[in-house]
Amino acid sequence: MVIQQRDEWERMRLQTTALINIHLKKGKKIKPEKFMPFDWDRENEPMERQEQIKREEAIKAMLERSGTHYKFLPSIADAKSS
């Protein structure tokens, strides 16, 4: 999607959310991302731990095949859980 189109959709979502929030009580306000979620909103969500480990293993396998050393990379699996 072209950045200009994305900006237009974002602007429309913010304006609409602002108009709706005017009529809602103080504790009941909605966020633009909840009101009208877009595909690009998911790009910023944190990955699940298992998905991170799976992606790390795929990258390490690719590096092994190419002959690149990857031992210096910190492991997500070894990190303490938060």
Protein backbone atom coordinates (compact mmCIF):
# COMPACT_ATOMS: atom_id res chain seq x y z
CA MET A 1 0.00 0.00 0.00
CA VAL A 2 1.26 3.43 -0.84
CA ILE A 3 2.34 5.48 2.19
CA GLN A 4 0.06 8.36 1.21
CA GLN A 5 -2.97 6.04 1.23
CA ARG A 6 -1.93 4.61 4.58
CA ASP A 7 -1.64 8.12 6.01
CA GLU A 8 -5.12 8.98 4.72
CA TRP A 9 -6.59 5.87 6.38
CA GLU A 10 -4.80 6.67 9.63
CA ARG A 11 -6.09 10.24 9.55
CA MET A 12 -9.66 9.04 8.92
CA ARG A 13 -9.40 6.51 11.78
CA LEU A 14 -8.09 9.15 14.21
CA GLN A 15 -10.77 11.68 13.26
CA THR A 16 -13.56 9.12 13.57
CA THR A 17 -12.27 7.87 16.92
CA ALA A 18 -12.05 11.44 18.23
CA LEU A 19 -15.65 12.11 17.18
CA ILE A 20 -16.87 8.92 18.87
CA ASN A 21 -14.86 9.53 22.06
CA ILE A 22 -16.52 12.94 22.50
CA HIS A 23 -19.77 11.11 23.24
CA LEU A 24 -18.34 8.43 25.54
CA LYS A 25 -17.86 8.64 29.30
CA LYS A 26 -14.37 9.28 30.64
CA GLY A 27 -13.49 5.66 31.46
CA LYS A 28 -15.08 4.26 28.30
CA LYS A 29 -12.89 5.89 25.62
CA ILE A 30 -11.75 3.70 22.74
CA LYS A 31 -8.39 3.59 21.01
CA PRO A 32 -8.15 3.97 17.24
CA GLU A 33 -6.45 0.56 16.89
CA LYS A 34 -9.34 -1.17 18.67
CA PHE A 35 -12.05 0.76 16.83
CA MET A 36 -10.74 0.14 13.33
CA PRO A 37 -7.81 -2.32 13.20
CA PHE A 38 -5.65 -2.33 10.06
CA ASP A 39 -3.29 -5.05 8.82
CA TRP A 40 -0.24 -2.88 9.49
CA ASP A 41 -1.18 -2.61 13.18
CA ARG A 42 -0.17 -6.26 13.61
CA GLU A 43 3.34 -5.51 12.34
CA ASN A 44 4.08 -3.71 15.60
CA GLU A 45 2.77 -6.40 17.93
CA PRO A 46 5.38 -8.33 19.88
CA MET A 47 5.96 -11.90 18.72
CA GLU A 48 5.10 -14.87 20.87
CA ARG A 49 8.13 -16.44 22.54
CA GLN A 50 7.77 -19.70 20.59
CA GLU A 51 7.56 -17.76 17.33
CA GLN A 52 10.76 -15.89 18.24
CA ILE A 53 12.58 -19.16 18.95
CA LYS A 54 11.31 -20.68 15.69
CA ARG A 55 12.49 -17.64 13.71
CA GLU A 56 15.87 -17.73 15.46
CA GLU A 57 16.33 -21.40 14.57
CA ALA A 58 15.46 -20.70 10.93
CA ILE A 59 18.02 -17.88 10.79
CA LYS A 60 20.71 -20.06 12.41
CA ALA A 61 20.00 -22.89 9.91
CA MET A 62 20.31 -20.44 7.04
CA LEU A 63 23.60 -19.10 8.43
CA GLU A 64 24.95 -22.65 8.86
CA ARG A 65 24.13 -23.47 5.24
CA SER A 66 25.95 -20.34 4.09
CA GLY A 67 29.01 -21.10 6.25
CA THR A 68 28.58 -17.98 8.39
CA HIS A 69 29.41 -18.22 12.09
CA TYR A 70 26.48 -17.41 14.32
CA LYS A 71 27.87 -18.32 17.76
CA PHE A 72 28.09 -14.65 18.68
CA LEU A 73 24.32 -14.21 18.39
CA PRO A 74 22.47 -14.21 21.72
CA SER A 75 19.88 -16.93 21.96
CA ILE A 76 16.27 -16.07 22.64
CA ALA A 77 15.72 -19.53 24.09
CA ASP A 78 18.47 -18.96 26.67
CA ALA A 79 17.10 -15.60 27.79
CA LYS A 80 15.20 -15.44 31.04
CA SER A 81 11.44 -15.33 30.62
CA SER A 82 9.89 -11.99 31.46
